[in-house]
C-alpha atoms as a PDB file:
ATOM      1  CA  MET A   1       0.000   0.000   0.000  1.00  0.00           C
ATOM      2  CA  ASN A   2       1.315   3.465  -0.885  1.00  0.00           C
ATOM      3  CA  LEU A   3       0.775   6.788   0.827  1.00  0.00           C
ATOM      4  CA  PRO A   4      -2.323   8.616  -0.412  1.00  0.00           C
ATOM      5  CA  ARG A   5      -1.696  11.293  -3.044  1.00  0.00           C
ATOM      6  CA  ASP A   6      -2.726  14.148  -0.745  1.00  0.00           C
ATOM      7  CA  TRP A   7       0.191  13.491   1.615  1.00  0.00           C
ATOM      8  CA  VAL A   8       3.314  15.677   1.474  1.00  0.00           C
ATOM      9  CA  THR A   9       6.842  14.329   1.845  1.00  0.00           C
ATOM     10  CA  LEU A  10       9.146  16.980   3.226  1.00  0.00           C
ATOM     11  CA  PRO A  11      12.366  17.589   1.289  1.00  0.00           C
ATOM     12  CA  PRO A  12      15.587  15.954   2.588  1.00  0.00           C
ATOM     13  CA  GLY A  13      17.205  17.946   5.379  1.00  0.00           C
ATOM     14  CA  HIS A  14      13.963  19.726   6.301  1.00  0.00           C
ATOM     15  CA  THR A  15      13.418  19.972  10.057  1.00  0.00           C
ATOM     16  CA  PRO A  16      10.136  18.120  10.625  1.00  0.00           C
ATOM     17  CA  TRP A  17       9.097  19.749  13.910  1.00  0.00           C
ATOM     18  CA  ASP A  18       8.204  23.104  12.331  1.00  0.00           C
ATOM     19  CA  ALA A  19       5.947  21.553   9.685  1.00  0.00           C
ATOM     20  CA  PHE A  20       3.169  20.294  11.971  1.00  0.00           C
ATOM     21  CA  PHE A  21       1.951  20.721  15.537  1.00  0.00           C
ATOM     22  CA  GLY A  22       2.959  18.291  18.271  1.00  0.00           C
ATOM     23  CA  VAL A  23       1.967  18.071  21.929  1.00  0.00           C
ATOM     24  CA  TYR A  24       4.755  18.474  24.506  1.00  0.00           C
ATOM     25  CA  PRO A  25       5.016  19.359  28.167  1.00  0.00           C
ATOM     26  CA  LEU A  26       6.273  22.788  29.170  1.00  0.00           C
ATOM     27  CA  VAL A  27       8.616  22.727  32.162  1.00  0.00           C
ATOM     28  CA  LEU A  28      10.837  25.272  33.861  1.00  0.00           C
ATOM     29  CA  VAL A  29      14.380  24.004  34.466  1.00  0.00           C
ATOM     30  CA  GLY A  30      16.218  25.664  37.327  1.00  0.00           C
ATOM     31  CA  THR A  31      19.983  25.807  37.802  1.00  0.00           C
ATOM     32  CA  LEU A  32      22.415  27.696  40.019  1.00  0.00           C
ATOM     33  CA  GLU A  33      24.752  30.391  38.735  1.00  0.00           C
ATOM     34  CA  PRO A  34      28.446  30.571  39.767  1.00  0.00           C
ATOM     35  CA  ASP A  35      27.746  33.632  41.948  1.00  0.00           C
ATOM     36  CA  GLY A  36      25.017  31.822  43.909  1.00  0.00           C
ATOM     37  CA  GLY A  37      22.176  33.323  41.895  1.00  0.00           C
ATOM     38  CA  HIS A  38      19.850  31.186  39.816  1.00  0.00           C
ATOM     39  CA  ASP A  39      18.603  30.700  36.286  1.00  0.00           C
ATOM     40  CA  VAL A  40      15.212  29.413  35.155  1.00  0.00           C
ATOM     41  CA  ALA A  41      14.567  28.413  31.544  1.00  0.00           C
ATOM     42  CA  PRO A  42      11.518  26.925  29.787  1.00  0.00           C
ATOM     43  CA  LYS A  43      11.986  23.594  28.008  1.00  0.00           C
ATOM     44  CA  HIS A  44       9.513  21.561  25.958  1.00  0.00           C
ATOM     45  CA  MET A  45      11.775  18.755  24.725  1.00  0.00           C
ATOM     46  CA  ALA A  46      11.674  17.288  28.221  1.00  0.00           C
ATOM     47  CA  MET A  47      10.330  14.014  29.547  1.00  0.00           C
ATOM     48  CA  PRO A  48      10.701  11.035  31.888  1.00  0.00           C
ATOM     49  CA  LEU A  49      13.200   8.477  30.586  1.00  0.00           C
ATOM     50  CA  GLY A  50      12.172   4.931  31.402  1.00  0.00           C
ATOM     51  CA  TRP A  51       9.800   3.825  34.149  1.00  0.00           C
ATOM     52  CA  GLN A  52      12.137   4.590  37.030  1.00  0.00           C
ATOM     53  CA  SER A  53      13.286   7.975  38.319  1.00  0.00           C
ATOM     54  CA  TRP A  54      15.090   9.435  35.301  1.00  0.00           C
ATOM     55  CA  PHE A  55      14.350  12.706  33.542  1.00  0.00           C
ATOM     56  CA  GLY A  56      15.950  14.315  30.518  1.00  0.00           C
ATOM     57  CA  PHE A  57      15.738  17.506  28.518  1.00  0.00           C
ATOM     58  CA  VAL A  58      17.312  18.783  25.322  1.00  0.00           C
ATOM     59  CA  CYS A  59      19.488  21.871  25.519  1.00  0.00           C
ATOM     60  CA  THR A  60      22.490  23.450  23.818  1.00  0.00           C
ATOM     61  CA  PRO A  61      25.958  23.936  25.340  1.00  0.00           C
ATOM     62  CA  GLU A  62      25.563  27.633  24.469  1.00  0.00           C
ATOM     63  CA  HIS A  63      22.837  28.062  27.098  1.00  0.00           C
ATOM     64  CA  ARG A  64      23.431  28.921  30.734  1.00  0.00           C
ATOM     65  CA  THR A  65      21.134  26.050  31.720  1.00  0.00           C
ATOM     66  CA  TRP A  66      23.570  23.517  30.226  1.00  0.00           C
ATOM     67  CA  VAL A  67      26.667  25.178  31.675  1.00  0.00           C
ATOM     68  CA  ASN A  68      25.160  25.495  35.148  1.00  0.00           C
ATOM     69  CA  ALA A  69      23.748  21.950  35.253  1.00  0.00           C
ATOM     70  CA  VAL A  70      27.073  20.420  34.201  1.00  0.00           C
ATOM     71  CA  ARG A  71      29.080  22.534  36.645  1.00  0.00           C
ATOM     72  CA  GLU A  72      26.766  21.928  39.634  1.00  0.00           C
ATOM     73  CA  GLY A  73      25.857  18.360  38.678  1.00  0.00           C
ATOM     74  CA  ALA A  74      22.193  19.104  39.288  1.00  0.00           C
ATOM     75  CA  PHE A  75      19.039  20.754  37.972  1.00  0.00           C
ATOM     76  CA  THR A  76      15.425  21.126  39.026  1.00  0.00           C
ATOM     77  CA  VAL A  77      12.184  20.813  37.072  1.00  0.00           C
ATOM     78  CA  SER A  78       8.977  22.713  37.829  1.00  0.00           C
ATOM     79  CA  TYR A  79       5.733  21.973  35.976  1.00  0.00           C
ATOM     80  CA  PRO A  80       3.745  25.238  35.681  1.00  0.00           C
ATOM     81  CA  ARG A  81      -0.019  25.576  35.595  1.00  0.00           C
ATOM     82  CA  ALA A  82      -1.747  27.113  32.590  1.00  0.00           C
ATOM     83  CA  SER A  83      -2.211  30.266  34.678  1.00  0.00           C
ATOM     84  CA  GLN A  84       1.582  30.517  35.011  1.00  0.00           C
ATOM     85  CA  VAL A  85       2.381  30.867  31.308  1.00  0.00           C
ATOM     86  CA  LEU A  86       3.852  34.285  32.057  1.00  0.00           C
ATOM     87  CA  MET A  87       6.552  32.528  34.117  1.00  0.00           C
ATOM     88  CA  GLY A  88       7.678  30.709  31.000  1.00  0.00           C
ATOM     89  CA  THR A  89       7.701  33.951  29.021  1.00  0.00           C
ATOM     90  CA  LEU A  90       9.825  35.734  31.611  1.00  0.00           C
ATOM     91  CA  ALA A  91      12.190  32.771  31.927  1.00  0.00           C
ATOM     92  CA  ALA A  92      12.626  32.719  28.137  1.00  0.00           C
ATOM     93  CA  SER A  93      13.750  36.361  28.023  1.00  0.00           C
ATOM     94  CA  PRO A  94      17.122  36.787  26.294  1.00  0.00           C
ATOM     95  CA  ARG A  95      20.142  37.819  28.312  1.00  0.00           C
ATOM     96  CA  SER A  96      21.506  41.330  27.938  1.00  0.00           C
ATOM     97  CA  GLY A  97      25.037  40.403  29.030  1.00  0.00           C
ATOM     98  CA  CYS A  98      27.030  38.080  31.284  1.00  0.00           C
ATOM     99  CA  GLY A  99      26.596  39.740  34.681  1.00  0.00           C
ATOM    100  CA  PRO A 100      24.303  38.698  37.541  1.00  0.00           C
ATOM    101  CA  ASP A 101      21.611  41.129  36.317  1.00  0.00           C
ATOM    102  CA  SER A 102      21.795  40.091  32.656  1.00  0.00           C
ATOM    103  CA  LYS A 103      18.295  38.567  32.857  1.00  0.00           C
ATOM    104  CA  PRO A 104      16.378  41.011  35.097  1.00  0.00           C
ATOM    105  CA  GLU A 105      13.003  39.451  34.192  1.00  0.00           C
ATOM    106  CA  LEU A 106      13.867  36.531  36.487  1.00  0.00           C
ATOM    107  CA  ALA A 107      13.320  38.803  39.483  1.00  0.00           C
ATOM    108  CA  ALA A 108       9.583  38.527  38.721  1.00  0.00           C
ATOM    109  CA  VAL A 109       9.666  34.697  38.866  1.00  0.00           C
ATOM    110  CA  PRO A 110       9.161  33.663  42.534  1.00  0.00           C
ATOM    111  CA  VAL A 111      11.300  30.746  43.667  1.00  0.00           C
ATOM    112  CA  TYR A 112      12.252  28.873  46.786  1.00  0.00           C
ATOM    113  CA  ALA A 113      15.279  26.730  47.512  1.00  0.00           C
ATOM    114  CA  ALA A 114      15.355  23.077  46.515  1.00  0.00           C
ATOM    115  CA  ARG A 115      15.711  20.684  49.447  1.00  0.00           C
ATOM    116  CA  THR A 116      18.064  18.018  48.093  1.00  0.00           C
ATOM    117  CA  VAL A 117      20.129  19.453  45.234  1.00  0.00           C
ATOM    118  CA  PRO A 118      21.615  22.910  44.625  1.00  0.00           C
ATOM    119  CA  GLY A 119      18.910  24.827  42.822  1.00  0.00           C
ATOM    120  CA  VAL A 120      15.543  26.546  43.001  1.00  0.00           C
ATOM    121  CA  LEU A 121      11.923  25.534  42.497  1.00  0.00           C
ATOM    122  CA  VAL A 122       9.415  27.892  40.868  1.00  0.00           C
ATOM    123  CA  ALA A 123       6.743  28.840  43.396  1.00  0.00           C
ATOM    124  CA  GLY A 124       3.140  28.013  42.567  1.00  0.00           C
ATOM    125  CA  CYS A 125       3.915  25.075  40.293  1.00  0.00           C
ATOM    126  CA  PRO A 126       2.075  21.895  41.375  1.00  0.00           C
ATOM    127  CA  VAL A 127       4.954  19.486  40.647  1.00  0.00           C
ATOM    128  CA  HIS A 128       8.701  19.813  41.304  1.00  0.00           C
ATOM    129  CA  LEU A 129      11.557  17.410  40.569  1.00  0.00           C
ATOM    130  CA  GLU A 130      15.067  17.659  41.990  1.00  0.00           C
ATOM    131  CA  CYS A 131      17.616  15.890  39.791  1.00  0.00           C
ATOM    132  CA  GLN A 132      21.265  14.929  40.057  1.00  0.00           C
ATOM    133  CA  LEU A 133      22.903  15.087  36.635  1.00  0.00           C
ATOM    134  CA  ASP A 134      23.866  11.573  35.576  1.00  0.00           C
ATOM    135  CA  ARG A 135      25.087  11.948  31.999  1.00  0.00           C
ATOM    136  CA  VAL A 136      25.109  14.149  28.940  1.00  0.00           C
ATOM    137  CA  VAL A 137      24.444  12.752  25.469  1.00  0.00           C
ATOM    138  CA  GLY A 138      25.868  15.106  22.860  1.00  0.00           C
ATOM    139  CA  GLY A 139      26.011  15.174  19.107  1.00  0.00           C
ATOM    140  CA  LEU A 140      22.365  15.989  18.404  1.00  0.00           C
ATOM    141  CA  GLY A 141      22.977  18.614  15.750  1.00  0.00           C
ATOM    142  CA  GLY A 142      24.557  21.124  18.108  1.00  0.00           C
ATOM    143  CA  ASN A 143      22.277  20.107  20.965  1.00  0.00           C
ATOM    144  CA  GLY A 144      22.440  17.416  23.600  1.00  0.00           C
ATOM    145  CA  LEU A 145      20.359  15.501  26.097  1.00  0.00           C
ATOM    146  CA  LEU A 146      20.971  16.141  29.792  1.00  0.00           C
ATOM    147  CA  ILE A 147      19.838  13.179  31.873  1.00  0.00           C
ATOM    148  CA  GLY A 148      19.281  13.378  35.591  1.00  0.00           C
ATOM    149  CA  GLN A 149      18.232  10.965  38.286  1.00  0.00           C
ATOM    150  CA  VAL A 150      15.233  12.256  40.211  1.00  0.00           C
ATOM    151  CA  VAL A 151      16.258  12.302  43.869  1.00  0.00           C
ATOM    152  CA  ALA A 152      13.249  14.217  45.231  1.00  0.00           C
ATOM    153  CA  THR A 153       9.692  14.773  44.001  1.00  0.00           C
ATOM    154  CA  HIS A 154       7.300  17.322  45.503  1.00  0.00           C
ATOM    155  CA  VAL A 155       3.623  17.356  44.500  1.00  0.00           C
ATOM    156  CA  GLU A 156       0.890  19.680  45.715  1.00  0.00           C
ATOM    157  CA  GLU A 157      -1.556  17.471  47.616  1.00  0.00           C
ATOM    158  CA  ARG A 158      -4.617  18.334  45.541  1.00  0.00           C
ATOM    159  CA  PHE A 159      -2.674  17.478  42.360  1.00  0.00           C
ATOM    160  CA  LEU A 160      -1.942  13.897  43.521  1.00  0.00           C
ATOM    161  CA  ARG A 161      -3.821  10.981  42.022  1.00  0.00           C
ATOM    162  CA  SER A 162      -6.036   9.210  44.538  1.00  0.00           C
ATOM    163  CA  PRO A 163      -8.141   6.042  44.542  1.00  0.00           C
ATOM    164  CA  ASP A 164     -10.903   8.238  45.993  1.00  0.00           C
ATOM    165  CA  GLN A 165     -11.061  10.496  42.927  1.00  0.00           C
ATOM    166  CA  ASP A 166     -11.627   9.730  39.272  1.00  0.00           C
ATOM    167  CA  ASP A 167      -8.545  10.534  37.172  1.00  0.00           C
ATOM    168  CA  GLY A 168     -10.679  12.362  34.623  1.00  0.00           C
ATOM    169  CA  ASP A 169     -12.165  14.562  37.334  1.00  0.00           C
ATOM    170  CA  LEU A 170      -8.695  15.405  38.611  1.00  0.00           C
ATOM    171  CA  VAL A 171      -7.464  16.431  35.154  1.00  0.00           C
ATOM    172  CA  PHE A 172     -10.604  18.521  34.595  1.00  0.00           C
ATOM    173  CA  GLN A 173     -10.356  20.164  38.002  1.00  0.00           C
ATOM    174  CA  GLU A 174      -6.672  21.076  37.873  1.00  0.00           C
ATOM    175  CA  GLY A 175      -5.947  21.312  34.135  1.00  0.00           C
ATOM    176  CA  LEU A 176      -2.620  20.493  32.494  1.00  0.00           C
ATOM    177  CA  LEU A 177      -0.466  22.907  30.526  1.00  0.00           C
ATOM    178  CA  ALA A 178       0.714  21.659  27.129  1.00  0.00           C
ATOM    179  CA  TYR A 179       3.059  23.272  24.633  1.00  0.00           C
ATOM    180  CA  LEU A 180       1.903  22.830  21.050  1.00  0.00           C
ATOM    181  CA  ALA A 181       5.144  23.217  19.134  1.00  0.00           C
ATOM    182  CA  PRO A 182       5.815  25.392  17.326  1.00  0.00           C
ATOM    183  CA  GLY A 183       4.608  28.344  19.347  1.00  0.00           C
ATOM    184  CA  ARG A 184       1.170  27.610  20.773  1.00  0.00           C
ATOM    185  CA  LEU A 185      -0.217  26.625  24.172  1.00  0.00           C
ATOM    186  CA  ALA A 186      -3.197  24.629  25.383  1.00  0.00           C
ATOM    187  CA  GLU A 187      -4.837  23.822  28.694  1.00  0.00           C
ATOM    188  CA  ILE A 188      -5.949  20.211  28.831  1.00  0.00           C
ATOM    189  CA  ARG A 189      -9.070  19.473  30.864  1.00  0.00           C
ATOM    190  CA  GLU A 190     -11.044  16.970  28.817  1.00  0.00           C
ATOM    191  CA  SER A 191      -9.514  13.476  28.852  1.00  0.00           C
ATOM    192  CA  GLY A 192     -10.489   9.838  28.562  1.00  0.00           C
ATOM    193  CA  ALA A 193      -9.069   6.553  29.764  1.00  0.00           C
ATOM    194  CA  PHE A 194      -6.770   4.834  27.275  1.00  0.00           C
ATOM    195  CA  PRO A 195      -8.292   1.536  26.015  1.00  0.00           C
ATOM    196  CA  PHE A 196      -5.480  -0.818  27.015  1.00  0.00           C
ATOM    197  CA  PRO A 197      -5.983  -4.420  25.863  1.00  0.00           C
ATOM    198  CA  GLU A 198      -6.683  -7.053  28.482  1.00  0.00           C
ATOM    199  CA  GLY A 199      -3.473  -8.376  30.016  1.00  0.00           C
ATOM    200  CA  PHE A 200      -1.409  -5.367  28.943  1.00  0.00           C
ATOM    201  CA  THR A 201       1.700  -4.722  31.029  1.00  0.00           C
ATOM    202  CA  ARG A 202       4.265  -1.993  30.573  1.00  0.00           C
END
């Protein structure tokens, strides 16, 4: 069977991710600066790796996030609510130099200290991960994958799954922020259970 005629094959070398929309998380990665200050940067190529406590995100060695995470051996991850989109905008602001005040917009992003690793957690986010950097996988076209082991997880109580509450009701009540790359956002409230086949195991 061949592809239908109304399909389009992108030319060789074309970056696929700008040609169609995809659903990703939007997280805020926190790292410590050499002077004891902090950096927060939004990332959407970010996800759990495997079923155990591993988390990775794509970054470039040119970014302060990469440099800080490698130097400190740690990073944090905060999952913002849809109402906190402005936090991602402020964290994405370009730097105006190399000094401690080169990203003044970060002063408007409230944070508190991580408990286990050197870093900060963005206040108001319902989920926080504290990660120790485990390895860096380079060579991804000028980018790389930073992989950390999650050593602490903090979840706002009302955001936790519970046998006393339907999962669909929880998603509807709290909402989930999604990044629709390239360049759009969505708040997910409507959801349905996935129809796993009988006997399915992960």
